[in-house]
Amino acid sequence: MRLAELSERSGVALATIKYYLREGLLPPGRRVSATTADYDEGHLRRLRLVRAMIQVGQVPVARVRQVLAHVDDESLGRTMRLGAALWALPHEPEPVDSTGGGGDGDGEDEAMTAARAEVDQLLRTLGWSTARELGELSPVHRSLVAAVATLTRLGYPWDAALMAPYARLMHQVAVRDLDFVETFPSEAEKAETAVAATILFQPVLKALHRLAQEEESARRYGLE
């Protein structure tokens, strides 16, 4: 398809597509003349992913470029490719303890120390060896520790035993996520889908969680 058709099919303005091309977020089309290029379904799929990251995920353009670099890195195996792309997405703020430290263990408050211990115990209980091995290298691990520490400071201590049932339910969600990812044929499409799902499905999961809370509350306590 020509650029105009790509714009029409995607619903993205021509000027915006040209901007994405200049910024390296969209690969160039196949040149057919000095002034004309052809674009295919891969460009359409990538364009939708870029729009999802920028519009829904509020991901800055520079960060989008980093994510896509991992998505396109054919030197990585599937696990590393998916992991690197997802790690490059924005995460919750890094842990900052009440003493003003940066979560590096120097001058760390008791809540952060306790949270690290509870998260480690949780991962041991679940048998999540990869998560334990990666530990603080993972931005997701750091975000979890920070969240548990914050809950503790506010008087809602969440220990490993409380978190474990939730973690097991989220593992079932992860299984469904990767089952869906594996329906796509190429490694690039799998990585793209994993990134898109992370951004687009999070609001769905949050909404489903709240709807389930509302339903359970009505069943237990009635509507009065």
Protein backbone atom coordinates (compact mmCIF):
# COMPACT_ATOMS: atom_id res chain seq x y z
CA MET A 1 0.00 0.00 0.00
CA ARG A 2 1.05 3.60 -0.48
CA LEU A 3 1.51 6.00 2.43
CA ALA A 4 -1.92 7.54 1.90
CA GLU A 5 -3.59 4.12 2.17
CA LEU A 6 -1.56 3.32 5.28
CA SER A 7 -2.87 6.53 6.80
CA GLU A 8 -6.45 5.73 5.82
CA ARG A 9 -6.38 2.16 7.10
CA SER A 10 -4.67 3.05 10.37
CA GLY A 11 -6.58 6.25 11.08
CA VAL A 12 -3.25 8.00 11.70
CA ALA A 13 -2.64 11.35 10.02
CA LEU A 14 -0.13 11.38 7.18
CA ALA A 15 2.01 14.00 8.94
CA THR A 16 2.16 11.82 12.07
CA ILE A 17 3.24 8.77 10.06
CA LYS A 18 6.00 10.82 8.43
CA TYR A 19 7.12 11.94 11.88
CA TYR A 20 7.27 8.33 13.08
CA LEU A 21 9.32 7.44 10.01
CA ARG A 22 11.78 10.28 10.72
CA GLU A 23 12.07 9.21 14.37
CA GLY A 24 12.75 5.59 13.43
CA LEU A 25 9.58 4.29 15.09
CA LEU A 26 8.31 2.94 11.79
CA PRO A 27 10.64 1.16 9.36
CA PRO A 28 10.95 2.72 5.90
CA GLY A 29 8.84 1.33 3.12
CA ARG A 30 10.11 -0.56 0.10
CA ARG A 31 11.32 2.08 -2.32
CA VAL A 32 9.65 1.80 -5.75
CA SER A 33 10.77 5.16 -7.14
CA ALA A 34 12.61 8.27 -6.06
CA THR A 35 9.46 9.67 -4.42
CA THR A 36 7.32 6.59 -3.72
CA ALA A 37 7.52 3.66 -1.31
CA ASP A 38 5.34 0.66 -0.60
CA TYR A 39 4.14 -0.31 2.88
CA ASP A 40 2.76 -3.64 4.00
CA GLU A 41 0.75 -5.24 6.82
CA GLY A 42 3.83 -5.22 9.01
CA HIS A 43 3.93 -1.43 8.83
CA LEU A 44 0.25 -1.27 9.71
CA ARG A 45 0.77 -3.57 12.70
CA ARG A 46 3.80 -1.60 13.88
CA LEU A 47 1.94 1.68 13.47
CA ARG A 48 -0.87 0.42 15.70
CA LEU A 49 1.67 -0.66 18.32
CA VAL A 50 3.37 2.74 18.28
CA ARG A 51 0.02 4.49 18.68
CA ALA A 52 -0.89 2.19 21.56
CA MET A 53 2.35 2.99 23.36
CA ILE A 54 2.11 6.74 22.82
CA GLN A 55 -1.63 7.32 23.15
CA VAL A 56 -2.67 4.71 25.72
CA GLY A 57 0.58 4.02 27.52
CA GLN A 58 1.77 7.66 27.44
CA VAL A 59 5.23 6.34 26.59
CA PRO A 60 7.68 9.06 25.44
CA VAL A 61 8.97 8.76 21.89
CA ALA A 62 12.54 8.09 23.02
CA ARG A 63 11.34 5.21 25.22
CA VAL A 64 9.20 3.84 22.38
CA ARG A 65 12.34 3.70 20.26
CA GLN A 66 14.12 1.70 22.97
CA VAL A 67 11.25 -0.78 23.27
CA LEU A 68 11.11 -1.30 19.51
CA ALA A 69 14.87 -1.85 19.35
CA HIS A 70 14.40 -4.87 21.62
CA VAL A 71 11.33 -6.04 19.72
CA ASP A 72 13.42 -6.08 16.53
CA ASP A 73 16.55 -7.63 18.06
CA GLU A 74 16.77 -10.99 16.30
CA SER A 75 19.94 -11.90 18.20
CA LEU A 76 17.89 -12.52 21.35
CA GLY A 77 15.98 -15.66 22.22
CA ARG A 78 12.26 -15.35 22.81
CA THR A 79 12.42 -15.02 26.59
CA MET A 80 15.15 -12.37 26.48
CA ARG A 81 13.48 -10.56 23.61
CA LEU A 82 10.12 -10.34 25.38
CA GLY A 83 11.74 -9.51 28.70
CA ALA A 84 13.96 -6.75 27.33
CA ALA A 85 11.07 -5.13 25.47
CA LEU A 86 8.80 -5.21 28.52
CA TRP A 87 11.53 -3.98 30.87
CA ALA A 88 12.07 -1.00 28.58
CA LEU A 89 8.48 0.13 29.11
CA PRO A 90 7.92 2.73 31.86
CA HIS A 91 7.36 1.22 35.31
CA GLU A 92 6.25 2.46 38.68
CA PRO A 93 8.67 4.91 40.34
CA GLU A 94 11.86 3.43 41.73
CA PRO A 95 11.80 2.70 45.47
CA VAL A 96 12.59 5.71 47.61
CA ASP A 97 12.71 5.03 51.33
CA SER A 98 11.61 7.40 54.07
CA THR A 99 15.21 8.43 54.81
CA GLY A 100 15.54 9.85 51.30
CA GLY A 101 17.68 7.01 49.96
CA GLY A 102 17.34 5.46 46.57
CA GLY A 103 16.66 1.88 47.58
CA ASP A 104 20.28 0.75 47.38
CA GLY A 105 20.33 -0.58 50.92
CA ASP A 106 22.43 2.32 52.32
CA GLY A 107 20.41 4.08 55.01
CA GLU A 108 17.32 2.15 53.94
CA ASP A 109 14.32 2.26 56.27
CA GLU A 110 12.87 -0.78 58.01
CA ALA A 111 9.85 -0.94 55.69
CA MET A 112 12.05 -1.37 52.60
CA THR A 113 14.18 -4.01 54.31
CA ALA A 114 11.10 -5.91 55.44
CA ALA A 115 9.49 -5.60 52.00
CA ARG A 116 12.55 -7.10 50.30
CA ALA A 117 12.46 -10.02 52.70
CA GLU A 118 8.74 -10.63 52.13
CA VAL A 119 9.07 -10.47 48.34
CA ASP A 120 11.99 -12.90 48.45
CA GLN A 121 9.97 -15.25 50.67
CA LEU A 122 7.03 -14.96 48.27
CA LEU A 123 9.19 -15.95 45.30
CA ARG A 124 10.64 -18.86 47.26
CA THR A 125 7.14 -20.04 48.20
CA LEU A 126 5.96 -19.86 44.60
CA GLY A 127 9.09 -21.48 43.20
CA TRP A 128 9.63 -18.53 40.85
CA SER A 129 13.37 -19.12 40.51
CA THR A 130 13.93 -16.81 37.54
CA ALA A 131 12.31 -13.88 39.34
CA ARG A 132 14.46 -14.59 42.40
CA GLU A 133 17.62 -14.82 40.32
CA LEU A 134 16.96 -11.54 38.52
CA GLY A 135 15.89 -9.82 41.72
CA GLU A 136 16.69 -6.11 41.82
CA LEU A 137 17.82 -6.14 38.19
CA SER A 138 14.13 -6.30 37.30
CA PRO A 139 12.23 -3.00 37.38
CA VAL A 140 9.08 -5.01 38.13
CA HIS A 141 10.73 -6.58 41.19
CA ARG A 142 11.82 -3.15 42.39
CA SER A 143 8.30 -1.78 41.89
CA LEU A 144 6.80 -4.64 43.90
CA VAL A 145 9.24 -4.08 46.76
CA ALA A 146 8.45 -0.36 46.74
CA ALA A 147 4.69 -1.01 46.77
CA VAL A 148 4.93 -3.49 49.66
CA ALA A 149 7.10 -1.06 51.62
CA THR A 150 4.59 1.75 51.08
CA LEU A 151 1.73 -0.46 52.29
CA THR A 152 3.74 -1.33 55.38
CA ARG A 153 4.43 2.32 56.19
CA LEU A 154 0.73 3.09 55.88
CA GLY A 155 -0.19 0.36 58.32
CA TYR A 156 -1.25 -2.30 55.81
CA PRO A 157 1.59 -4.84 55.97
CA TRP A 158 1.42 -7.30 53.10
CA ASP A 159 3.52 -10.33 53.80
CA ALA A 160 4.37 -13.29 51.57
CA ALA A 161 1.42 -15.33 52.82
CA LEU A 162 -1.05 -12.60 51.89
CA MET A 163 0.49 -12.03 48.47
CA ALA A 164 0.82 -15.67 47.45
CA PRO A 165 -2.86 -16.30 46.45
CA TYR A 166 -2.86 -13.14 44.35
CA ALA A 167 0.43 -14.13 42.72
CA ARG A 168 -0.94 -17.55 41.80
CA LEU A 169 -3.97 -15.94 40.18
CA MET A 170 -1.69 -13.60 38.23
CA HIS A 171 0.32 -16.59 37.05
CA GLN A 172 -2.87 -17.94 35.48
CA VAL A 173 -3.28 -14.57 33.74
CA ALA A 174 0.31 -14.80 32.50
CA VAL A 175 -0.38 -18.25 31.07
CA ARG A 176 -3.33 -16.86 29.14
CA ASP A 177 -1.23 -13.91 27.98
CA LEU A 178 1.50 -16.11 26.53
CA ASP A 179 -1.00 -18.54 25.03
CA PHE A 180 -2.33 -15.54 23.10
CA VAL A 181 1.14 -14.33 22.15
CA GLU A 182 1.99 -17.76 20.73
CA THR A 183 -0.88 -17.57 18.24
CA PHE A 184 1.20 -15.13 16.18
CA PRO A 185 3.58 -16.65 13.62
CA SER A 186 6.80 -14.63 13.74
CA GLU A 187 9.06 -13.77 16.66
CA ALA A 188 8.67 -10.04 15.89
CA GLU A 189 4.88 -10.33 15.98
CA LYS A 190 5.06 -12.22 19.27
CA ALA A 191 7.21 -9.48 20.81
CA GLU A 192 4.97 -6.73 19.41
CA THR A 193 1.88 -8.46 20.77
CA ALA A 194 3.44 -8.89 24.22
CA VAL A 195 4.18 -5.17 24.39
CA ALA A 196 0.75 -4.17 23.10
CA ALA A 197 -0.98 -6.55 25.50
CA THR A 198 0.96 -5.18 28.46
CA ILE A 199 -0.19 -1.65 27.66
CA LEU A 200 -3.72 -2.32 26.44
CA PHE A 201 -4.79 -5.14 28.76
CA GLN A 202 -3.75 -3.48 32.03
CA PRO A 203 -6.77 -1.12 32.03
CA VAL A 204 -9.02 -4.10 31.20
CA LEU A 205 -7.61 -6.17 34.08
CA LYS A 206 -7.98 -3.25 36.50
CA ALA A 207 -11.57 -2.68 35.42
CA LEU A 208 -12.40 -6.39 35.70
CA HIS A 209 -10.89 -6.45 39.19
CA ARG A 210 -13.08 -3.55 40.32
CA LEU A 211 -16.18 -5.01 38.72
CA ALA A 212 -15.49 -8.29 40.50
CA GLN A 213 -15.16 -6.42 43.80
CA GLU A 214 -18.50 -4.69 43.19
CA GLU A 215 -20.20 -7.98 42.34
CA GLU A 216 -18.79 -9.80 45.34
CA SER A 217 -19.72 -6.94 47.64
CA ALA A 218 -23.33 -7.03 46.42
CA ARG A 219 -23.50 -10.82 46.84
CA ARG A 220 -22.14 -10.65 50.38
CA TYR A 221 -23.78 -7.52 51.73
CA GLY A 222 -26.73 -6.85 49.42
CA LEU A 223 -27.48 -3.65 47.54
CA GLU A 224 -28.70 -1.55 50.44
